[in-house]
Amino acid sequence: MGPVTVIYLALGFVLLWKGGDLLVDGADAFARSHGVPPTFAGVFILGFGTSMPELAVSALAALDGEAGIAVGNVVGSNIANVALVLGTAALLCVVHVNRFLLKVEIPVGIVASVLAFVLVLDGTVDRTDGLILLTAFALYMAFALGTVRHRDIDDGDPPPKRPWFDLGKAALALAAVLGGAELFKTGAITLAEDLGVSKVVIGSTLVALATSLPELATAIAAARAHKADLVLGNVIGSNIFNLLLVLGTAGVLVDQVVEDSVPNVMMPLMLGLAILPLIIAVVAKRRIGRLAGILLLAIYFGFITWSTVTALG
């Protein structure tokens, strides 16, 4: 691995991280200043903001014909979001599951996972698949906007309204995310070629971890502040956005041919992790605690171990 590759990865990593941070901060401030319910903010505003790195990386990789990076990033990010991000948050504090998340958002995340899994079973994500995913995303957004008033409202004092400041911050953050995505994608592809490993493995581990940093940073901050709706809502919302918007966009841009490991191993694991929080929440009476966090982290590190062994083998 040459010094240029290291520079690309490091600089891209920093830009993705800080750009995602700015997007999240601006989205959270905008939501609270306009009285947006925390459940909605966590799922949609933070979910969209923290999914921007995945969208940028996967779209650019798709345009360059790098299906392994594009699809691997989406699947790997969803695995990291539940197993790493939610697992870390559950270690820091008990995550209380909001009734709307339990009855609506988590089931929607499971349905989105099943839909993506079925579409990828033939080993491709083509334009038709992409249009199906994007249509599902549009329907979900319409439903979400129609249910805002039924969600719990934050009783805390809202911050002052600064629309132009928040807009400027969002523009700067978006530029950082796009620039970081291009640099990190280029470095990741070069690294895969230098090491002679599958681009799906690089996409689902290294790239996925980098693009999941905003979710991880948000989850840790929200867990410390005991804002459980933001923790789980951000994870579920980001996963839905990744599957419907990010994977759909990649498929529409260029037909994606994926490796056998995606439908045979990674997608089943992703689907299982979409279902697991629902099972834990039902069994533990709408609580995701420390033991569940340890289980989720063990699953994630098991996945990383399998990916490493597969790459080296």
Protein backbone atom coordinates (compact mmCIF):
# COMPACT_ATOMS: atom_id res chain seq x y z
CA MET A 1 0.00 0.00 0.00
CA GLY A 2 1.64 3.18 -1.22
CA PRO A 3 1.71 6.55 0.56
CA VAL A 4 -0.77 8.07 -1.90
CA THR A 5 -3.33 5.38 -1.04
CA VAL A 6 -2.84 6.07 2.67
CA ILE A 7 -3.32 9.80 2.12
CA TYR A 8 -6.49 9.22 0.07
CA LEU A 9 -7.94 6.91 2.74
CA ALA A 10 -6.98 9.16 5.65
CA LEU A 11 -8.18 12.41 4.08
CA GLY A 12 -11.36 10.81 2.76
CA PHE A 13 -11.97 9.30 6.21
CA VAL A 14 -11.68 12.69 7.93
CA LEU A 15 -13.88 14.48 5.39
CA LEU A 16 -16.58 11.80 5.59
CA TRP A 17 -16.51 11.87 9.37
CA LYS A 18 -16.54 15.63 9.88
CA GLY A 19 -18.85 16.26 6.94
CA GLY A 20 -21.32 13.74 8.32
CA ASP A 21 -20.95 15.35 11.75
CA LEU A 22 -21.86 18.78 10.37
CA LEU A 23 -24.88 17.36 8.53
CA VAL A 24 -26.11 15.65 11.68
CA ASP A 25 -25.60 18.74 13.86
CA GLY A 26 -27.38 20.99 11.40
CA ALA A 27 -30.24 18.51 10.92
CA ASP A 28 -30.73 18.08 14.66
CA ALA A 29 -30.70 21.85 15.32
CA PHE A 30 -33.12 22.51 12.44
CA ALA A 31 -35.49 19.77 13.64
CA ARG A 32 -35.57 20.93 17.25
CA SER A 33 -35.91 24.62 16.36
CA HIS A 34 -38.96 23.82 14.20
CA GLY A 35 -40.65 21.51 16.72
CA VAL A 36 -40.04 18.28 14.80
CA PRO A 37 -40.71 15.16 16.99
CA PRO A 38 -37.52 13.32 18.05
CA THR A 39 -38.70 10.03 16.54
CA PHE A 40 -39.17 11.69 13.15
CA ALA A 41 -35.89 13.59 13.49
CA GLY A 42 -33.99 10.43 14.37
CA VAL A 43 -35.41 8.31 11.57
CA PHE A 44 -35.65 10.81 8.75
CA ILE A 45 -33.51 13.90 9.34
CA LEU A 46 -30.60 12.20 11.10
CA GLY A 47 -31.14 9.01 9.08
CA PHE A 48 -30.82 10.95 5.84
CA GLY A 49 -27.92 13.06 7.09
CA THR A 50 -25.88 10.09 8.30
CA SER A 51 -26.65 8.17 5.08
CA MET A 52 -25.11 10.87 2.88
CA PRO A 53 -21.62 9.27 3.02
CA GLU A 54 -23.10 5.93 1.85
CA LEU A 55 -25.05 7.66 -0.90
CA ALA A 56 -22.01 9.59 -2.13
CA VAL A 57 -19.63 6.61 -2.03
CA SER A 58 -22.08 4.13 -3.59
CA ALA A 59 -23.22 6.53 -6.33
CA LEU A 60 -19.65 7.40 -7.33
CA ALA A 61 -18.60 3.74 -7.19
CA ALA A 62 -21.61 2.74 -9.31
CA LEU A 63 -20.76 5.34 -11.95
CA ASP A 64 -17.22 3.95 -12.06
CA GLY A 65 -18.56 0.41 -12.49
CA GLU A 66 -17.35 -0.71 -9.06
CA ALA A 67 -20.35 -2.83 -8.03
CA GLY A 68 -18.40 -4.51 -5.23
CA ILE A 69 -17.77 -1.18 -3.52
CA ALA A 70 -21.28 0.17 -4.16
CA VAL A 71 -23.33 -2.84 -3.00
CA GLY A 72 -20.84 -3.97 -0.37
CA ASN A 73 -20.93 -0.50 1.18
CA VAL A 74 -24.73 -0.57 1.56
CA VAL A 75 -24.92 -4.08 3.01
CA GLY A 76 -21.85 -3.63 5.21
CA SER A 77 -23.10 -0.28 6.50
CA ASN A 78 -26.44 -1.78 7.51
CA ILE A 79 -24.65 -4.58 9.33
CA ALA A 80 -22.41 -2.04 11.07
CA ASN A 81 -25.33 0.23 11.96
CA VAL A 82 -27.16 -2.45 13.94
CA ALA A 83 -24.32 -4.62 15.23
CA LEU A 84 -21.66 -1.95 15.89
CA VAL A 85 -23.55 1.33 16.32
CA LEU A 86 -26.61 0.07 18.22
CA GLY A 87 -24.44 -2.41 20.13
CA THR A 88 -22.10 0.37 21.28
CA ALA A 89 -25.01 2.61 22.29
CA ALA A 90 -26.62 -0.24 24.30
CA LEU A 91 -23.37 -0.69 26.23
CA LEU A 92 -23.43 2.98 27.23
CA CYS A 93 -27.09 3.17 28.29
CA VAL A 94 -30.34 1.24 28.05
CA VAL A 95 -32.03 2.04 24.73
CA HIS A 96 -35.77 2.40 25.31
CA VAL A 97 -37.73 1.56 22.18
CA ASN A 98 -40.36 4.15 21.26
CA ARG A 99 -43.78 2.66 20.47
CA PHE A 100 -43.75 4.20 16.98
CA LEU A 101 -40.36 2.65 16.25
CA LEU A 102 -41.58 -0.73 17.52
CA LYS A 103 -44.84 -0.74 15.57
CA VAL A 104 -43.83 1.10 12.40
CA GLU A 105 -40.17 1.90 11.70
CA ILE A 106 -38.57 -1.40 12.72
CA PRO A 107 -41.12 -3.45 10.68
CA VAL A 108 -40.57 -1.09 7.72
CA GLY A 109 -36.82 -1.69 8.05
CA ILE A 110 -37.44 -5.45 7.98
CA VAL A 111 -39.66 -5.15 4.89
CA ALA A 112 -37.01 -3.00 3.15
CA SER A 113 -34.36 -5.63 4.00
CA VAL A 114 -36.53 -8.44 2.62
CA LEU A 115 -37.25 -6.46 -0.57
CA ALA A 116 -33.55 -5.74 -1.17
CA PHE A 117 -32.63 -9.36 -0.38
CA VAL A 118 -35.16 -10.69 -2.91
CA LEU A 119 -33.98 -8.29 -5.61
CA VAL A 120 -30.32 -9.25 -5.10
CA LEU A 121 -30.94 -13.02 -5.13
CA ASP A 122 -30.33 -13.15 -8.91
CA GLY A 123 -26.86 -11.63 -8.39
CA THR A 124 -27.67 -8.24 -9.89
CA VAL A 125 -29.16 -4.89 -9.00
CA ASP A 126 -30.30 -3.50 -12.35
CA ARG A 127 -32.28 -0.43 -13.34
CA THR A 128 -35.63 -2.13 -12.76
CA ASP A 129 -34.54 -3.16 -9.26
CA GLY A 130 -33.35 0.38 -8.60
CA LEU A 131 -36.66 1.88 -9.70
CA ILE A 132 -38.55 -0.55 -7.44
CA LEU A 133 -36.40 0.49 -4.48
CA LEU A 134 -36.73 4.20 -5.22
CA THR A 135 -40.52 3.85 -5.61
CA ALA A 136 -40.66 2.13 -2.24
CA PHE A 137 -38.59 4.98 -0.80
CA ALA A 138 -40.98 7.61 -2.20
CA LEU A 139 -44.00 5.77 -0.74
CA TYR A 140 -42.29 5.50 2.62
CA MET A 141 -41.43 9.20 2.67
CA ALA A 142 -45.04 10.11 1.83
CA PHE A 143 -46.26 7.91 4.68
CA ALA A 144 -43.68 9.38 7.06
CA LEU A 145 -44.63 12.97 6.30
CA GLY A 146 -48.27 12.09 6.84
CA THR A 147 -47.62 10.67 10.31
CA VAL A 148 -45.48 13.48 11.79
CA ARG A 149 -48.26 14.80 14.00
CA HIS A 150 -48.83 11.37 15.56
CA ARG A 151 -45.28 11.12 16.88
CA ASP A 152 -44.07 12.14 20.33
CA ILE A 153 -43.03 15.79 20.66
CA ASP A 154 -39.82 16.85 22.41
CA ASP A 155 -40.67 18.85 25.53
CA GLY A 156 -37.24 20.54 25.75
CA ASP A 157 -36.61 24.17 24.88
CA PRO A 158 -35.91 24.51 21.14
CA PRO A 159 -32.75 26.27 19.96
CA PRO A 160 -33.08 29.59 18.07
CA LYS A 161 -34.05 29.42 14.40
CA ARG A 162 -31.05 30.10 12.13
CA PRO A 163 -32.17 28.86 8.70
CA TRP A 164 -29.42 30.57 6.67
CA PHE A 165 -26.70 29.45 9.07
CA ASP A 166 -28.02 25.86 9.02
CA LEU A 167 -28.28 25.98 5.21
CA GLY A 168 -24.68 27.17 4.89
CA LYS A 169 -23.48 24.49 7.28
CA ALA A 170 -25.38 21.84 5.28
CA ALA A 171 -23.81 23.01 2.00
CA LEU A 172 -20.32 22.91 3.49
CA ALA A 173 -20.99 19.50 5.00
CA LEU A 174 -22.30 18.13 1.72
CA ALA A 175 -19.19 19.34 -0.12
CA ALA A 176 -16.99 17.65 2.50
CA VAL A 177 -18.94 14.39 2.24
CA LEU A 178 -18.77 14.32 -1.56
CA GLY A 179 -15.06 15.13 -1.62
CA GLY A 180 -14.33 12.61 1.11
CA ALA A 181 -16.37 9.95 -0.67
CA GLU A 182 -14.40 10.36 -3.89
CA LEU A 183 -11.04 10.23 -2.09
CA PHE A 184 -11.97 7.28 0.12
CA LYS A 185 -13.52 5.33 -2.77
CA THR A 186 -10.36 5.79 -4.86
CA GLY A 187 -8.15 4.74 -1.95
CA ALA A 188 -10.31 1.70 -1.16
CA ILE A 189 -10.24 0.47 -4.76
CA THR A 190 -6.47 0.89 -4.91
CA LEU A 191 -6.09 -0.94 -1.59
CA ALA A 192 -8.21 -3.86 -2.82
CA GLU A 193 -6.10 -4.09 -5.97
CA ASP A 194 -2.82 -3.87 -4.03
CA LEU A 195 -3.86 -6.58 -1.56
CA GLY A 196 -5.55 -8.73 -4.19
CA VAL A 197 -8.78 -9.01 -2.18
CA SER A 198 -12.40 -8.79 -3.20
CA LYS A 199 -13.83 -5.29 -3.57
CA VAL A 200 -17.01 -6.56 -1.91
CA VAL A 201 -14.96 -7.37 1.20
CA ILE A 202 -13.33 -3.92 1.15
CA GLY A 203 -16.70 -2.29 0.53
CA SER A 204 -18.50 -4.18 3.30
CA THR A 205 -15.78 -3.67 5.93
CA LEU A 206 -13.39 -0.73 5.51
CA VAL A 207 -15.64 1.49 3.36
CA ALA A 208 -18.76 0.55 5.33
CA LEU A 209 -17.07 1.36 8.62
CA ALA A 210 -15.90 4.74 7.32
CA THR A 211 -19.34 5.69 6.01
CA SER A 212 -20.97 4.52 9.27
CA LEU A 213 -18.86 6.89 11.40
CA PRO A 214 -21.59 9.59 11.49
CA GLU A 215 -24.08 7.02 12.82
CA LEU A 216 -21.56 5.83 15.41
CA ALA A 217 -20.70 9.36 16.56
CA THR A 218 -24.39 10.28 16.74
CA ALA A 219 -25.28 7.11 18.66
CA ILE A 220 -22.54 7.65 21.26
CA ALA A 221 -23.52 11.29 21.79
CA ALA A 222 -27.24 10.44 21.97
CA ALA A 223 -26.63 7.50 24.33
CA ARG A 224 -24.66 9.70 26.72
CA ALA A 225 -27.49 12.24 26.64
CA HIS A 226 -30.03 9.39 27.15
CA LYS A 227 -31.90 10.31 23.95
CA ALA A 228 -32.86 6.76 23.02
CA ASP A 229 -35.28 7.80 20.25
CA LEU A 230 -32.37 9.36 18.37
CA VAL A 231 -30.13 6.30 18.86
CA LEU A 232 -32.44 3.61 17.53
CA GLY A 233 -34.29 5.95 15.18
CA ASN A 234 -31.03 6.99 13.54
CA VAL A 235 -29.96 3.37 13.04
CA ILE A 236 -33.31 2.23 11.61
CA GLY A 237 -33.73 5.34 9.48
CA SER A 238 -30.21 5.10 8.08
CA ASN A 239 -30.73 1.43 7.16
CA ILE A 240 -33.99 2.16 5.37
CA PHE A 241 -32.38 5.04 3.47
CA ASN A 242 -29.38 2.87 2.56
CA LEU A 243 -31.51 0.06 1.14
CA LEU A 244 -34.18 2.07 -0.66
CA LEU A 245 -32.46 5.33 -1.61
CA VAL A 246 -28.74 4.46 -1.80
CA LEU A 247 -29.00 0.97 -3.33
CA GLY A 248 -31.86 2.14 -5.54
CA THR A 249 -29.80 5.07 -6.83
CA ALA A 250 -26.80 2.82 -7.53
CA GLY A 251 -29.00 0.40 -9.50
CA VAL A 252 -30.59 3.16 -11.57
CA LEU A 253 -27.22 4.69 -12.42
CA VAL A 254 -25.53 1.46 -13.58
CA ASP A 255 -26.50 -2.23 -13.52
CA GLN A 256 -24.72 -3.82 -10.53
CA VAL A 257 -23.42 -7.42 -10.74
CA VAL A 258 -22.64 -8.67 -7.24
CA GLU A 259 -20.49 -11.52 -5.94
CA ASP A 260 -22.07 -14.72 -4.58
CA SER A 261 -21.09 -13.81 -1.01
CA VAL A 262 -23.57 -10.91 -1.02
CA PRO A 263 -26.85 -12.88 -1.45
CA ASN A 264 -25.47 -16.03 0.18
CA VAL A 265 -23.90 -14.61 3.36
CA MET A 266 -24.05 -10.83 3.79
CA MET A 267 -27.69 -10.20 2.92
CA PRO A 268 -29.00 -12.99 5.21
CA LEU A 269 -26.89 -11.56 8.05
CA MET A 270 -28.20 -8.07 7.31
CA LEU A 271 -31.80 -9.36 7.33
CA GLY A 272 -31.23 -11.21 10.59
CA LEU A 273 -29.87 -8.04 12.19
CA ALA A 274 -32.91 -6.10 10.96
CA ILE A 275 -35.16 -8.57 12.80
CA LEU A 276 -33.06 -8.98 15.97
CA PRO A 277 -33.82 -5.56 17.56
CA LEU A 278 -37.55 -6.28 17.23
CA ILE A 279 -37.13 -9.64 18.99
CA ILE A 280 -35.01 -8.09 21.75
CA ALA A 281 -37.45 -5.20 22.22
CA VAL A 282 -40.46 -7.54 22.49
CA VAL A 283 -38.74 -9.99 24.86
CA ALA A 284 -37.15 -7.27 27.03
CA LYS A 285 -40.27 -5.07 27.17
CA ARG A 286 -39.10 -2.33 24.78
CA ARG A 287 -35.57 -2.15 26.18
CA ILE A 288 -32.25 -2.91 24.50
CA GLY A 289 -29.72 -3.26 27.31
CA ARG A 290 -26.08 -4.13 27.93
CA LEU A 291 -26.38 -7.88 27.29
CA ALA A 292 -28.01 -7.17 23.94
CA GLY A 293 -25.21 -4.70 23.20
CA ILE A 294 -22.58 -7.35 23.90
CA LEU A 295 -24.42 -9.80 21.62
CA LEU A 296 -24.61 -7.25 18.79
CA LEU A 297 -20.93 -6.34 19.09
CA ALA A 298 -19.96 -10.03 19.11
CA ILE A 299 -21.91 -10.49 15.87
CA TYR A 300 -20.15 -7.52 14.28
CA PHE A 301 -16.65 -8.65 15.21
CA GLY A 302 -17.55 -12.15 14.06
CA PHE A 303 -18.53 -10.68 10.69
CA ILE A 304 -15.26 -8.74 10.48
CA THR A 305 -13.31 -11.90 11.36
CA TRP A 306 -15.13 -13.88 8.66
CA SER A 307 -14.49 -11.12 6.11
CA THR A 308 -10.78 -11.00 7.01
CA VAL A 309 -10.37 -14.77 6.79
CA THR A 310 -12.24 -14.81 3.47
CA ALA A 311 -10.04 -12.02 2.09
CA LEU A 312 -6.80 -13.67 3.17
CA GLY A 313 -7.95 -17.08 1.98
